[in-house]
């Protein structure tokens, strides 16, 4: 393929991507004109397979779309002449809505939880809180770990750092540090994020240990 041909193909694909983007993100409270709502006398027509058909009178472009039982959609109204594409617009809108819904679902499911510690926290309380942090991480949530200093404790940040290091070590099989410990007034904060790789490795270890426990002991097999 020559340089000019490759460049032309690249530009054509770029225009098609821009057209798809224009459909997917129309102006607020607006949708692209389709079929009989298109006002131009002639349009630059793009086929349902993305191929450039060329400039056609609007009636002819509509006839081509109807013959395929598809819609004529104005994807670039500001062009001269406007660019229209043959497609199943109802199906396109449905799929776009499903993708947007899935994207919102994934975004809404990622919640930042918070767990608060103290520099002089007892062992039992530390274990209880840390188990909750592990649970949040295993569910896919991020966790903001906040350690609050009181009185003169603020002059000994190393005490807080020691607690946060212990939390990090305790949850290493399910999470990792996303934002390292930093001082914020009388608080020291750290953000943990789920670590899918570490969780997968832990699950494999548990499965391997369970399988090993189920295998008969070699000594028992020899005796039998």
N, C-alpha and C. Protein backbone atom coordinates (compact mmCIF):
# COMPACT_ATOMS: atom_id res chain seq x y z
N UNK A 1 0.86 -1.20 0.00
CA UNK A 1 0.00 0.00 0.00
C UNK A 1 0.88 1.23 0.00
N UNK A 2 0.62 2.18 -0.89
CA UNK A 2 1.41 3.40 -0.97
C UNK A 2 1.14 4.28 0.23
N UNK A 3 2.08 5.26 0.44
CA UNK A 3 1.92 6.15 1.58
C UNK A 3 0.64 6.95 1.50
N UNK A 4 0.28 7.45 0.30
CA UNK A 4 -0.93 8.27 0.16
C UNK A 4 -2.17 7.44 0.40
N UNK A 5 -2.16 6.16 -0.08
CA UNK A 5 -3.33 5.30 0.13
C UNK A 5 -3.51 4.97 1.60
N UNK A 6 -2.39 4.66 2.28
CA UNK A 6 -2.46 4.36 3.71
C UNK A 6 -2.97 5.55 4.49
N UNK A 7 -2.48 6.76 4.09
CA UNK A 7 -2.93 7.97 4.78
C UNK A 7 -4.43 8.18 4.57
N UNK A 8 -4.90 7.94 3.36
CA UNK A 8 -6.33 8.12 3.06
C UNK A 8 -7.17 7.14 3.87
N UNK A 9 -6.69 5.88 3.98
CA UNK A 9 -7.42 4.87 4.76
C UNK A 9 -7.47 5.26 6.23
N UNK A 10 -6.33 5.79 6.72
CA UNK A 10 -6.29 6.23 8.12
C UNK A 10 -7.27 7.35 8.37
N UNK A 11 -7.30 8.32 7.46
CA UNK A 11 -8.21 9.45 7.62
C UNK A 11 -9.66 8.99 7.55
N UNK A 12 -9.96 8.01 6.66
CA UNK A 12 -11.33 7.50 6.54
C UNK A 12 -11.76 6.82 7.84
N UNK A 13 -10.87 6.00 8.40
CA UNK A 13 -11.19 5.33 9.66
C UNK A 13 -11.36 6.33 10.78
N UNK A 14 -10.53 7.38 10.76
CA UNK A 14 -10.63 8.42 11.79
C UNK A 14 -11.98 9.13 11.70
N UNK A 15 -12.42 9.42 10.45
CA UNK A 15 -13.72 10.09 10.28
C UNK A 15 -14.85 9.20 10.78
N UNK A 16 -14.75 7.90 10.51
CA UNK A 16 -15.81 6.98 10.96
C UNK A 16 -15.85 6.92 12.48
N UNK A 17 -14.66 6.92 13.13
CA UNK A 17 -14.63 6.94 14.59
C UNK A 17 -15.27 8.20 15.13
N UNK A 18 -14.99 9.34 14.49
CA UNK A 18 -15.58 10.60 14.93
C UNK A 18 -17.09 10.59 14.76
N UNK A 19 -17.55 9.96 13.67
CA UNK A 19 -18.99 9.88 13.45
C UNK A 19 -19.66 9.03 14.52
N UNK A 20 -19.05 7.88 14.85
CA UNK A 20 -19.60 7.03 15.91
C UNK A 20 -19.63 7.76 17.22
N UNK A 21 -18.57 8.55 17.48
CA UNK A 21 -18.52 9.32 18.72
C UNK A 21 -19.63 10.36 18.74
N UNK A 22 -19.91 10.97 17.60
CA UNK A 22 -20.97 11.99 17.53
C UNK A 22 -22.32 11.37 17.83
N UNK A 23 -22.54 10.12 17.40
CA UNK A 23 -23.81 9.46 17.70
C UNK A 23 -23.89 9.12 19.17
N UNK A 24 -22.77 8.57 19.70
CA UNK A 24 -22.78 8.10 21.09
C UNK A 24 -22.90 9.23 22.08
N UNK A 25 -22.40 10.44 21.72
CA UNK A 25 -22.46 11.56 22.66
C UNK A 25 -23.10 12.77 22.00
N UNK A 26 -24.41 12.71 21.71
CA UNK A 26 -25.08 13.85 21.10
C UNK A 26 -25.21 15.00 22.09
N UNK A 27 -25.48 16.22 21.62
CA UNK A 27 -25.67 17.33 22.54
C UNK A 27 -26.78 17.03 23.54
N UNK A 28 -26.72 17.74 24.69
CA UNK A 28 -27.72 17.51 25.74
C UNK A 28 -29.13 17.69 25.18
N UNK A 29 -30.03 16.78 25.61
CA UNK A 29 -31.44 16.82 25.20
C UNK A 29 -31.60 16.78 23.67
N UNK A 30 -30.65 16.13 22.98
CA UNK A 30 -30.71 16.09 21.52
C UNK A 30 -30.29 14.72 21.03
N UNK A 31 -30.87 14.33 19.90
CA UNK A 31 -30.49 13.10 19.23
C UNK A 31 -30.25 13.41 17.77
N UNK A 32 -29.45 12.62 17.08
CA UNK A 32 -29.23 12.88 15.66
C UNK A 32 -30.52 12.70 14.87
N UNK A 33 -30.65 13.44 13.79
CA UNK A 33 -31.83 13.28 12.93
C UNK A 33 -31.73 11.93 12.21
N UNK A 34 -32.86 11.27 12.06
CA UNK A 34 -32.88 10.00 11.35
C UNK A 34 -34.02 9.99 10.33
N UNK A 35 -33.82 9.25 9.25
CA UNK A 35 -34.83 9.02 8.22
C UNK A 35 -35.49 10.31 7.74
N UNK A 36 -36.83 10.41 7.83
CA UNK A 36 -37.55 11.55 7.26
C UNK A 36 -37.31 12.86 8.01
N UNK A 37 -36.63 12.80 9.16
CA UNK A 37 -36.35 14.03 9.91
C UNK A 37 -35.11 14.74 9.37
N UNK A 38 -34.36 14.08 8.51
CA UNK A 38 -33.17 14.70 7.91
C UNK A 38 -33.62 15.76 6.89
N UNK A 39 -33.03 16.94 6.94
CA UNK A 39 -33.52 18.07 6.15
C UNK A 39 -32.69 18.37 4.90
N UNK A 40 -31.49 17.84 4.81
CA UNK A 40 -30.61 18.19 3.68
C UNK A 40 -31.15 17.63 2.36
N UNK A 41 -30.84 18.31 1.27
CA UNK A 41 -31.27 17.84 -0.05
C UNK A 41 -30.42 16.67 -0.52
N UNK A 42 -29.12 16.70 -0.15
CA UNK A 42 -28.23 15.60 -0.49
C UNK A 42 -27.30 15.34 0.69
N UNK A 43 -26.78 14.13 0.75
CA UNK A 43 -25.95 13.74 1.89
C UNK A 43 -24.75 12.95 1.39
N UNK A 44 -23.70 12.94 2.23
CA UNK A 44 -22.56 12.06 1.95
C UNK A 44 -22.85 10.76 2.66
N UNK A 45 -23.06 9.69 1.93
CA UNK A 45 -23.59 8.45 2.48
C UNK A 45 -22.48 7.46 2.83
N UNK A 46 -22.62 6.88 4.03
CA UNK A 46 -21.74 5.81 4.50
C UNK A 46 -22.60 4.57 4.68
N UNK A 47 -22.17 3.45 4.09
CA UNK A 47 -22.95 2.22 4.16
C UNK A 47 -22.96 1.59 5.54
N UNK A 48 -23.80 0.57 5.71
CA UNK A 48 -23.91 -0.11 7.01
C UNK A 48 -22.63 -0.84 7.38
N UNK A 49 -21.78 -1.10 6.38
CA UNK A 49 -20.51 -1.77 6.63
C UNK A 49 -19.35 -0.80 6.77
N UNK A 50 -19.65 0.50 6.81
CA UNK A 50 -18.62 1.52 6.98
C UNK A 50 -18.00 2.02 5.71
N UNK A 51 -18.41 1.49 4.58
CA UNK A 51 -17.84 1.92 3.30
C UNK A 51 -18.45 3.23 2.83
N UNK A 52 -17.60 4.10 2.25
CA UNK A 52 -18.06 5.37 1.71
C UNK A 52 -18.79 5.11 0.39
N UNK A 53 -20.06 5.50 0.31
CA UNK A 53 -20.84 5.32 -0.91
C UNK A 53 -20.77 6.56 -1.79
N UNK A 54 -20.66 7.74 -1.16
CA UNK A 54 -20.54 8.98 -1.91
C UNK A 54 -21.72 9.90 -1.68
N UNK A 55 -21.75 11.00 -2.40
CA UNK A 55 -22.81 11.99 -2.24
C UNK A 55 -24.05 11.52 -3.00
N UNK A 56 -25.18 11.48 -2.29
CA UNK A 56 -26.43 11.01 -2.88
C UNK A 56 -27.57 11.97 -2.52
N UNK A 57 -28.55 12.12 -3.44
CA UNK A 57 -29.75 12.88 -3.06
C UNK A 57 -30.40 12.19 -1.86
N UNK A 58 -31.02 12.98 -1.00
CA UNK A 58 -31.63 12.41 0.21
C UNK A 58 -32.62 11.30 -0.11
N UNK A 59 -33.53 11.46 -1.09
CA UNK A 59 -34.48 10.38 -1.38
C UNK A 59 -33.78 9.06 -1.74
N UNK A 60 -32.67 9.15 -2.49
CA UNK A 60 -31.96 7.94 -2.87
C UNK A 60 -31.29 7.29 -1.65
N UNK A 61 -30.72 8.12 -0.77
CA UNK A 61 -30.09 7.60 0.44
C UNK A 61 -31.13 6.91 1.33
N UNK A 62 -32.31 7.53 1.44
CA UNK A 62 -33.39 6.92 2.24
C UNK A 62 -33.82 5.59 1.62
N UNK A 63 -33.88 5.54 0.30
CA UNK A 63 -34.29 4.32 -0.39
C UNK A 63 -33.30 3.19 -0.14
N UNK A 64 -32.00 3.53 -0.13
CA UNK A 64 -30.96 2.52 0.12
C UNK A 64 -31.12 1.95 1.53
N UNK A 65 -31.37 2.84 2.51
CA UNK A 65 -31.54 2.39 3.89
C UNK A 65 -32.78 1.52 4.04
N UNK A 66 -33.89 1.94 3.41
CA UNK A 66 -35.14 1.19 3.53
C UNK A 66 -35.05 -0.17 2.85
N UNK A 67 -34.30 -0.23 1.77
CA UNK A 67 -34.15 -1.49 1.06
C UNK A 67 -33.46 -2.54 1.94
N UNK A 68 -32.58 -2.05 2.82
CA UNK A 68 -31.88 -2.94 3.75
C UNK A 68 -32.62 -3.08 5.08
N UNK A 69 -33.82 -2.44 5.16
CA UNK A 69 -34.61 -2.44 6.39
C UNK A 69 -33.81 -1.85 7.56
N UNK A 70 -33.07 -0.77 7.25
CA UNK A 70 -32.27 -0.09 8.26
C UNK A 70 -32.65 1.39 8.28
N UNK A 71 -31.95 2.16 9.12
CA UNK A 71 -32.22 3.59 9.27
C UNK A 71 -31.13 4.41 8.61
N UNK A 72 -31.48 5.62 8.21
CA UNK A 72 -30.51 6.60 7.74
C UNK A 72 -30.31 7.58 8.88
N UNK A 73 -29.08 7.67 9.37
CA UNK A 73 -28.78 8.49 10.55
C UNK A 73 -27.79 9.58 10.19
N UNK A 74 -28.14 10.83 10.54
CA UNK A 74 -27.26 11.96 10.28
C UNK A 74 -26.19 12.01 11.38
N UNK A 75 -24.96 11.66 11.02
CA UNK A 75 -23.91 11.55 12.03
C UNK A 75 -22.98 12.76 12.08
N UNK A 76 -23.00 13.60 11.06
CA UNK A 76 -22.19 14.81 11.06
C UNK A 76 -22.99 15.92 10.38
N UNK A 77 -23.86 16.54 11.17
CA UNK A 77 -24.79 17.53 10.62
C UNK A 77 -24.10 18.78 10.12
N UNK A 78 -22.91 19.13 10.66
CA UNK A 78 -22.25 20.37 10.30
C UNK A 78 -21.43 20.26 9.01
N UNK A 79 -21.26 19.02 8.52
CA UNK A 79 -20.49 18.84 7.29
C UNK A 79 -21.29 19.35 6.09
N UNK A 80 -20.60 19.59 4.99
CA UNK A 80 -21.27 20.08 3.77
C UNK A 80 -20.88 19.19 2.59
N UNK A 81 -21.78 18.30 2.16
CA UNK A 81 -23.11 18.03 2.72
C UNK A 81 -23.02 17.20 4.01
N UNK A 82 -24.11 17.13 4.79
CA UNK A 82 -24.10 16.34 6.03
C UNK A 82 -23.77 14.88 5.75
N UNK A 83 -23.08 14.26 6.69
CA UNK A 83 -22.73 12.84 6.56
C UNK A 83 -23.84 12.01 7.21
N UNK A 84 -24.32 11.03 6.47
CA UNK A 84 -25.35 10.14 6.99
C UNK A 84 -24.86 8.70 6.87
N UNK A 85 -25.27 7.89 7.83
CA UNK A 85 -24.83 6.49 7.84
C UNK A 85 -26.03 5.56 7.91
N UNK A 86 -25.95 4.45 7.19
CA UNK A 86 -27.01 3.45 7.22
C UNK A 86 -26.74 2.50 8.39
N UNK A 87 -27.73 2.34 9.27
CA UNK A 87 -27.54 1.48 10.44
C UNK A 87 -28.89 1.14 11.07
N UNK A 88 -28.86 0.16 11.97
CA UNK A 88 -30.04 -0.15 12.78
C UNK A 88 -29.95 0.74 14.01
N UNK A 89 -30.59 1.89 13.96
CA UNK A 89 -30.42 2.88 15.02
C UNK A 89 -31.00 2.41 16.35
N UNK A 90 -32.13 1.70 16.30
CA UNK A 90 -32.72 1.19 17.54
C UNK A 90 -31.78 0.24 18.25
N UNK A 91 -31.16 -0.67 17.48
CA UNK A 91 -30.20 -1.62 18.05
C UNK A 91 -28.99 -0.88 18.59
N UNK A 92 -28.52 0.13 17.83
CA UNK A 92 -27.35 0.91 18.26
C UNK A 92 -27.63 1.60 19.60
N UNK A 93 -28.81 2.23 19.70
CA UNK A 93 -29.16 2.94 20.94
C UNK A 93 -29.24 1.97 22.11
N UNK A 94 -29.82 0.79 21.88
CA UNK A 94 -29.96 -0.20 22.95
C UNK A 94 -28.59 -0.65 23.44
N UNK A 95 -27.69 -0.98 22.50
CA UNK A 95 -26.36 -1.45 22.88
C UNK A 95 -25.58 -0.35 23.60
N UNK A 96 -25.73 0.89 23.13
CA UNK A 96 -25.04 2.01 23.78
C UNK A 96 -25.56 2.21 25.20
N UNK A 97 -26.88 2.06 25.38
CA UNK A 97 -27.48 2.21 26.71
C UNK A 97 -27.00 1.11 27.64
N UNK A 98 -26.89 -0.12 27.11
CA UNK A 98 -26.41 -1.25 27.93
C UNK A 98 -24.96 -1.03 28.36
N UNK A 99 -24.13 -0.53 27.44
CA UNK A 99 -22.73 -0.26 27.77
C UNK A 99 -22.63 0.83 28.84
N UNK A 100 -23.45 1.87 28.70
CA UNK A 100 -23.44 2.96 29.68
C UNK A 100 -23.90 2.46 31.05
N UNK A 101 -24.92 1.61 31.04
CA UNK A 101 -25.44 1.04 32.29
C UNK A 101 -24.39 0.19 32.98
N UNK A 102 -23.69 -0.64 32.19
CA UNK A 102 -22.63 -1.49 32.75
C UNK A 102 -21.49 -0.65 33.30
N UNK A 103 -21.15 0.42 32.59
CA UNK A 103 -20.08 1.31 33.05
C UNK A 103 -20.46 1.97 34.36
N UNK A 104 -21.74 2.42 34.46
CA UNK A 104 -22.20 3.05 35.71
C UNK A 104 -22.21 2.04 36.85
N UNK A 105 -22.59 0.79 36.53
CA UNK A 105 -22.65 -0.25 37.56
C UNK A 105 -21.26 -0.51 38.13
N UNK A 106 -20.28 -0.62 37.25
CA UNK A 106 -18.92 -0.88 37.71
C UNK A 106 -18.39 0.28 38.53
N UNK A 107 -18.70 1.50 38.08
CA UNK A 107 -18.23 2.68 38.80
C UNK A 107 -18.87 2.77 40.18
N UNK A 108 -20.18 2.52 40.25
CA UNK A 108 -20.90 2.65 41.52
C UNK A 108 -20.51 1.57 42.51
N UNK A 109 -20.02 0.41 42.01
CA UNK A 109 -19.66 -0.68 42.89
C UNK A 109 -18.33 -0.47 43.58
N UNK A 110 -17.49 0.44 43.06
CA UNK A 110 -16.20 0.71 43.67
C UNK A 110 -16.40 1.81 44.71
N UNK A 111 -16.44 1.39 45.98
CA UNK A 111 -16.71 2.31 47.08
C UNK A 111 -15.47 2.43 47.95
N UNK A 112 -15.17 3.63 48.41
CA UNK A 112 -14.05 3.81 49.33
C UNK A 112 -14.57 3.72 50.75
N UNK A 113 -14.20 2.65 51.43
CA UNK A 113 -14.55 2.47 52.84
C UNK A 113 -13.50 3.16 53.70
N UNK A 114 -13.80 3.32 54.97
CA UNK A 114 -12.82 3.91 55.88
C UNK A 114 -12.75 3.10 57.16
N UNK A 115 -11.54 2.89 57.66
CA UNK A 115 -11.35 2.22 58.94
C UNK A 115 -10.40 3.08 59.77
N UNK A 116 -10.79 3.34 61.02
CA UNK A 116 -10.02 4.22 61.89
C UNK A 116 -9.26 3.42 62.96
N UNK A 117 -8.02 3.80 63.16
CA UNK A 117 -7.15 3.17 64.17
C UNK A 117 -6.61 4.25 65.11
N UNK A 118 -6.03 3.78 66.22
CA UNK A 118 -5.34 4.68 67.15
C UNK A 118 -3.92 4.15 67.36
N UNK A 119 -2.96 5.02 67.67
CA UNK A 119 -1.59 4.56 67.87
C UNK A 119 -1.46 3.51 68.98
N UNK A 120 -2.30 3.61 70.01
CA UNK A 120 -2.21 2.69 71.14
C UNK A 120 -3.33 1.64 71.11
N UNK A 121 -3.75 1.26 69.93
CA UNK A 121 -4.83 0.29 69.77
C UNK A 121 -4.43 -1.06 70.34
N UNK A 122 -5.39 -1.73 70.99
CA UNK A 122 -5.13 -3.05 71.55
C UNK A 122 -5.08 -4.12 70.46
N UNK A 123 -4.48 -5.24 70.79
CA UNK A 123 -4.32 -6.32 69.82
C UNK A 123 -5.64 -6.85 69.31
N UNK A 124 -6.60 -7.07 70.20
CA UNK A 124 -7.90 -7.60 69.78
C UNK A 124 -8.64 -6.63 68.88
N UNK A 125 -8.62 -5.35 69.24
CA UNK A 125 -9.28 -4.33 68.43
C UNK A 125 -8.61 -4.20 67.07
N UNK A 126 -7.27 -4.29 67.06
CA UNK A 126 -6.53 -4.22 65.79
C UNK A 126 -6.94 -5.37 64.88
N UNK A 127 -7.01 -6.57 65.43
CA UNK A 127 -7.36 -7.74 64.62
C UNK A 127 -8.78 -7.62 64.05
N UNK A 128 -9.72 -7.14 64.88
CA UNK A 128 -11.11 -7.00 64.43
C UNK A 128 -11.22 -6.00 63.28
N UNK A 129 -10.59 -4.84 63.45
CA UNK A 129 -10.64 -3.82 62.42
C UNK A 129 -9.94 -4.28 61.13
N UNK A 130 -8.83 -4.95 61.29
CA UNK A 130 -8.06 -5.38 60.13
C UNK A 130 -8.79 -6.47 59.35
N UNK A 131 -9.51 -7.34 60.06
CA UNK A 131 -10.32 -8.35 59.36
C UNK A 131 -11.39 -7.67 58.51
N UNK A 132 -11.96 -6.58 59.02
CA UNK A 132 -12.96 -5.84 58.25
C UNK A 132 -12.31 -5.21 57.01
N UNK A 133 -11.09 -4.70 57.18
CA UNK A 133 -10.37 -4.12 56.03
C UNK A 133 -10.15 -5.20 54.97
N UNK A 134 -9.73 -6.38 55.40
CA UNK A 134 -9.53 -7.50 54.47
C UNK A 134 -10.83 -7.84 53.75
N UNK A 135 -11.94 -7.84 54.48
CA UNK A 135 -13.25 -8.15 53.90
C UNK A 135 -13.63 -7.13 52.83
N UNK A 136 -13.42 -5.85 53.14
CA UNK A 136 -13.73 -4.79 52.16
C UNK A 136 -12.91 -4.96 50.89
N UNK A 137 -11.61 -5.23 51.06
CA UNK A 137 -10.73 -5.39 49.91
C UNK A 137 -11.13 -6.60 49.07
N UNK A 138 -11.49 -7.68 49.75
CA UNK A 138 -11.90 -8.90 49.04
C UNK A 138 -13.18 -8.67 48.24
N UNK A 139 -14.03 -7.73 48.69
CA UNK A 139 -15.27 -7.40 47.98
C UNK A 139 -15.03 -6.44 46.82
N UNK A 140 -13.78 -5.96 46.69
CA UNK A 140 -13.46 -5.06 45.59
C UNK A 140 -13.47 -3.59 45.94
N UNK A 141 -13.61 -3.26 47.23
CA UNK A 141 -13.64 -1.86 47.65
C UNK A 141 -12.24 -1.36 47.99
N UNK A 142 -12.03 -0.07 47.81
CA UNK A 142 -10.83 0.56 48.33
C UNK A 142 -11.08 0.91 49.80
N UNK A 143 -9.99 1.02 50.56
CA UNK A 143 -10.13 1.32 51.99
C UNK A 143 -9.17 2.45 52.38
N UNK A 144 -9.75 3.49 52.97
CA UNK A 144 -8.93 4.56 53.52
C UNK A 144 -8.69 4.25 54.99
N UNK A 145 -7.44 4.04 55.35
CA UNK A 145 -7.07 3.74 56.73
C UNK A 145 -6.64 5.04 57.39
N UNK A 146 -7.37 5.43 58.43
CA UNK A 146 -7.09 6.70 59.11
C UNK A 146 -6.63 6.43 60.53
N UNK A 147 -5.47 6.94 60.88
CA UNK A 147 -4.95 6.82 62.23
C UNK A 147 -4.96 8.20 62.88
N UNK A 148 -5.67 8.33 64.00
CA UNK A 148 -5.86 9.63 64.63
C UNK A 148 -4.97 9.78 65.86
N UNK A 149 -4.22 10.88 65.92
CA UNK A 149 -3.36 11.18 67.07
C UNK A 149 -4.12 12.05 68.06
N UNK A 150 -3.86 11.82 69.32
CA UNK A 150 -4.44 12.66 70.38
C UNK A 150 -3.33 13.26 71.22
N UNK A 151 -3.55 14.50 71.64
CA UNK A 151 -2.59 15.16 72.52
C UNK A 151 -1.19 15.17 71.94
N UNK A 152 -0.22 14.74 72.77
CA UNK A 152 1.18 14.78 72.37
C UNK A 152 1.56 13.64 71.42
N UNK A 153 0.61 12.74 71.12
CA UNK A 153 0.89 11.65 70.18
C UNK A 153 1.27 12.20 68.81
N UNK A 154 0.78 13.41 68.51
CA UNK A 154 1.04 13.99 67.19
C UNK A 154 2.53 14.23 66.97
N UNK A 155 3.31 14.29 68.06
CA UNK A 155 4.74 14.52 67.94
C UNK A 155 5.51 13.20 67.71
N UNK A 156 4.78 12.11 67.64
CA UNK A 156 5.43 10.81 67.43
C UNK A 156 4.76 10.08 66.26
N UNK A 157 4.92 10.64 65.06
CA UNK A 157 4.28 10.03 63.88
C UNK A 157 4.78 8.61 63.60
N UNK A 158 5.97 8.28 64.12
CA UNK A 158 6.50 6.93 63.89
C UNK A 158 5.60 5.86 64.51
N UNK A 159 4.86 6.24 65.58
CA UNK A 159 3.95 5.28 66.20
C UNK A 159 2.79 4.97 65.24
N UNK A 160 2.29 6.01 64.58
CA UNK A 160 1.21 5.81 63.62
C UNK A 160 1.69 5.03 62.42
N UNK A 161 2.90 5.37 61.95
CA UNK A 161 3.46 4.66 60.79
C UNK A 161 3.63 3.17 61.09
N UNK A 162 3.98 2.86 62.31
CA UNK A 162 4.16 1.46 62.69
C UNK A 162 2.85 0.69 62.59
N UNK A 163 1.74 1.31 63.03
CA UNK A 163 0.42 0.67 62.95
C UNK A 163 0.02 0.46 61.49
N UNK A 164 0.21 1.49 60.66
CA UNK A 164 -0.17 1.39 59.25
C UNK A 164 0.67 0.33 58.54
N UNK A 165 1.94 0.21 58.92
CA UNK A 165 2.78 -0.84 58.33
C UNK A 165 2.26 -2.22 58.70
N UNK A 166 1.76 -2.35 59.93
CA UNK A 166 1.21 -3.63 60.38
C UNK A 166 -0.07 -3.97 59.61
N UNK A 167 -0.88 -2.95 59.34
CA UNK A 167 -2.10 -3.17 58.55
C UNK A 167 -1.72 -3.62 57.14
N UNK A 168 -0.76 -2.92 56.53
CA UNK A 168 -0.33 -3.28 55.18
C UNK A 168 0.15 -4.72 55.13
N UNK A 169 0.94 -5.13 56.11
CA UNK A 169 1.47 -6.49 56.13
C UNK A 169 0.34 -7.51 56.32
N UNK A 170 -0.64 -7.16 57.15
CA UNK A 170 -1.72 -8.10 57.46
C UNK A 170 -2.65 -8.36 56.28
N UNK A 171 -2.78 -7.38 55.39
CA UNK A 171 -3.73 -7.52 54.27
C UNK A 171 -3.03 -7.75 52.94
N UNK A 172 -1.75 -8.11 52.95
CA UNK A 172 -0.98 -8.22 51.71
C UNK A 172 -1.51 -9.28 50.76
N UNK A 173 -2.30 -10.24 51.28
CA UNK A 173 -2.84 -11.28 50.41
C UNK A 173 -4.09 -10.84 49.65
N UNK A 174 -4.64 -9.69 49.99
CA UNK A 174 -5.85 -9.21 49.32
C UNK A 174 -5.74 -7.78 48.81
N UNK A 175 -4.77 -7.03 49.29
CA UNK A 175 -4.69 -5.62 48.90
C UNK A 175 -3.28 -5.10 48.83
N UNK A 176 -3.16 -3.90 48.28
CA UNK A 176 -1.86 -3.23 48.16
C UNK A 176 -2.06 -1.75 48.48
N UNK A 177 -0.97 -1.08 48.80
CA UNK A 177 -1.03 0.35 49.11
C UNK A 177 -1.15 1.13 47.80
N UNK A 178 -2.20 1.94 47.71
CA UNK A 178 -2.38 2.80 46.54
C UNK A 178 -1.86 4.21 46.84
N UNK A 179 -2.14 4.71 48.03
CA UNK A 179 -1.61 6.01 48.48
C UNK A 179 -0.88 5.77 49.79
N UNK A 180 0.42 6.02 49.80
CA UNK A 180 1.23 5.71 50.96
C UNK A 180 0.93 6.68 52.12
N UNK A 181 1.27 6.26 53.36
CA UNK A 181 0.93 7.06 54.54
C UNK A 181 1.40 8.51 54.43
N UNK A 182 0.50 9.41 54.83
CA UNK A 182 0.85 10.83 54.84
C UNK A 182 0.11 11.51 55.98
N UNK A 183 0.70 12.58 56.48
CA UNK A 183 0.13 13.33 57.61
C UNK A 183 -0.93 14.30 57.08
N UNK A 184 -2.08 14.32 57.75
CA UNK A 184 -3.15 15.27 57.43
C UNK A 184 -3.68 15.83 58.74
N UNK A 185 -3.05 16.92 59.21
CA UNK A 185 -3.43 17.49 60.50
C UNK A 185 -3.07 16.54 61.63
N UNK A 186 -4.09 16.12 62.39
CA UNK A 186 -3.86 15.16 63.48
C UNK A 186 -4.10 13.73 63.03
N UNK A 187 -4.22 13.53 61.73
CA UNK A 187 -4.43 12.19 61.20
C UNK A 187 -3.26 11.77 60.31
N UNK A 188 -3.07 10.49 60.24
CA UNK A 188 -2.17 9.90 59.25
C UNK A 188 -3.03 8.95 58.43
N UNK A 189 -3.03 9.12 57.11
CA UNK A 189 -3.93 8.32 56.27
C UNK A 189 -3.15 7.50 55.25
N UNK A 190 -3.78 6.41 54.85
CA UNK A 190 -3.22 5.52 53.83
C UNK A 190 -4.40 4.91 53.08
N UNK A 191 -4.28 4.76 51.78
CA UNK A 191 -5.36 4.17 50.99
C UNK A 191 -4.89 2.83 50.43
N UNK A 192 -5.72 1.81 50.67
CA UNK A 192 -5.45 0.46 50.16
C UNK A 192 -6.40 0.16 49.02
N UNK A 193 -5.94 -0.59 48.04
CA UNK A 193 -6.77 -0.99 46.90
C UNK A 193 -6.72 -2.50 46.76
N UNK A 194 -7.78 -3.12 46.23
CA UNK A 194 -7.76 -4.57 46.03
C UNK A 194 -6.62 -4.97 45.10
N UNK A 195 -5.99 -6.08 45.39
CA UNK A 195 -4.91 -6.60 44.56
C UNK A 195 -5.37 -7.95 44.00
N UNK A 196 -5.88 -7.94 42.77
CA UNK A 196 -6.44 -9.15 42.15
C UNK A 196 -5.39 -10.24 42.02
N UNK A 197 -4.16 -9.87 41.71
CA UNK A 197 -3.10 -10.87 41.54
C UNK A 197 -2.81 -11.57 42.87
N UNK A 198 -2.71 -10.78 43.94
CA UNK A 198 -2.44 -11.36 45.26
C UNK A 198 -3.61 -12.24 45.70
N UNK A 199 -4.84 -11.80 45.41
CA UNK A 199 -6.01 -12.58 45.78
C UNK A 199 -6.04 -13.91 45.03
N UNK A 200 -5.67 -13.89 43.75
CA UNK A 200 -5.63 -15.11 42.96
C UNK A 200 -4.57 -16.07 43.49
N UNK A 201 -3.41 -15.51 43.87
CA UNK A 201 -2.33 -16.34 44.41
C UNK A 201 -2.74 -16.98 45.74
N UNK A 202 -3.45 -16.19 46.57
CA UNK A 202 -3.92 -16.73 47.84
C UNK A 202 -4.94 -17.84 47.62
N UNK A 203 -5.86 -17.63 46.69
CA UNK A 203 -6.87 -18.65 46.40
C UNK A 203 -6.22 -19.94 45.92
N UNK A 204 -5.15 -19.81 45.11
CA UNK A 204 -4.44 -20.99 44.62
C UNK A 204 -3.76 -21.72 45.76
N UNK A 205 -3.15 -20.98 46.68
CA UNK A 205 -2.49 -21.61 47.83
C UNK A 205 -3.49 -22.40 48.67
N UNK A 206 -4.65 -21.78 48.89
CA UNK A 206 -5.68 -22.45 49.69
C UNK A 206 -6.15 -23.73 49.00
N UNK A 207 -6.34 -23.63 47.67
CA UNK A 207 -6.78 -24.81 46.91
C UNK A 207 -5.73 -25.91 46.94
N UNK A 208 -4.45 -25.53 46.82
CA UNK A 208 -3.36 -26.51 46.84
C UNK A 208 -3.26 -27.18 48.20
N UNK A 209 -3.42 -26.39 49.26
CA UNK A 209 -3.36 -26.95 50.60
C UNK A 209 -4.51 -27.91 50.85
N UNK A 210 -5.70 -27.55 50.35
CA UNK A 210 -6.86 -28.42 50.51
C UNK A 210 -6.67 -29.73 49.75
N UNK A 211 -6.10 -29.63 48.54
CA UNK A 211 -5.86 -30.84 47.74
C UNK A 211 -4.83 -31.74 48.40
N UNK A 212 -3.80 -31.10 48.96
CA UNK A 212 -2.76 -31.88 49.63
C UNK A 212 -3.32 -32.59 50.86
N UNK A 213 -4.22 -31.94 51.58
CA UNK A 213 -4.81 -32.54 52.78
C UNK A 213 -5.70 -33.72 52.44
N UNK A 214 -6.28 -33.71 51.24
CA UNK A 214 -7.18 -34.79 50.84
C UNK A 214 -6.43 -36.01 50.33
N UNK A 215 -5.15 -35.84 49.91
CA UNK A 215 -4.38 -36.98 49.40
C UNK A 215 -3.97 -37.89 50.54
N UNK A 216 -4.07 -39.20 50.40
CA UNK A 216 -3.65 -40.12 51.47
C UNK A 216 -2.17 -39.96 51.77
N UNK A 217 -1.82 -40.08 53.02
CA UNK A 217 -0.43 -39.96 53.44
C UNK A 217 0.37 -41.13 52.85
N UNK A 218 1.59 -40.83 52.34
CA UNK A 218 2.40 -41.86 51.70
C UNK A 218 2.72 -43.01 52.65
N UNK A 219 2.87 -42.70 53.93
CA UNK A 219 3.17 -43.73 54.91
C UNK A 219 2.01 -44.68 55.07
N UNK A 220 0.78 -44.11 55.09
CA UNK A 220 -0.42 -44.94 55.19
C UNK A 220 -0.56 -45.83 53.99
N UNK A 221 -0.22 -45.29 52.76
CA UNK A 221 -0.34 -46.07 51.55
C UNK A 221 0.63 -47.25 51.58
N UNK A 222 1.85 -47.02 52.07
CA UNK A 222 2.85 -48.09 52.12
C UNK A 222 2.41 -49.17 53.10
N UNK A 223 1.81 -48.76 54.22
CA UNK A 223 1.38 -49.74 55.23
C UNK A 223 0.25 -50.60 54.72
N UNK A 224 -0.64 -49.98 53.89
CA UNK A 224 -1.77 -50.74 53.34
C UNK A 224 -1.30 -51.67 52.23
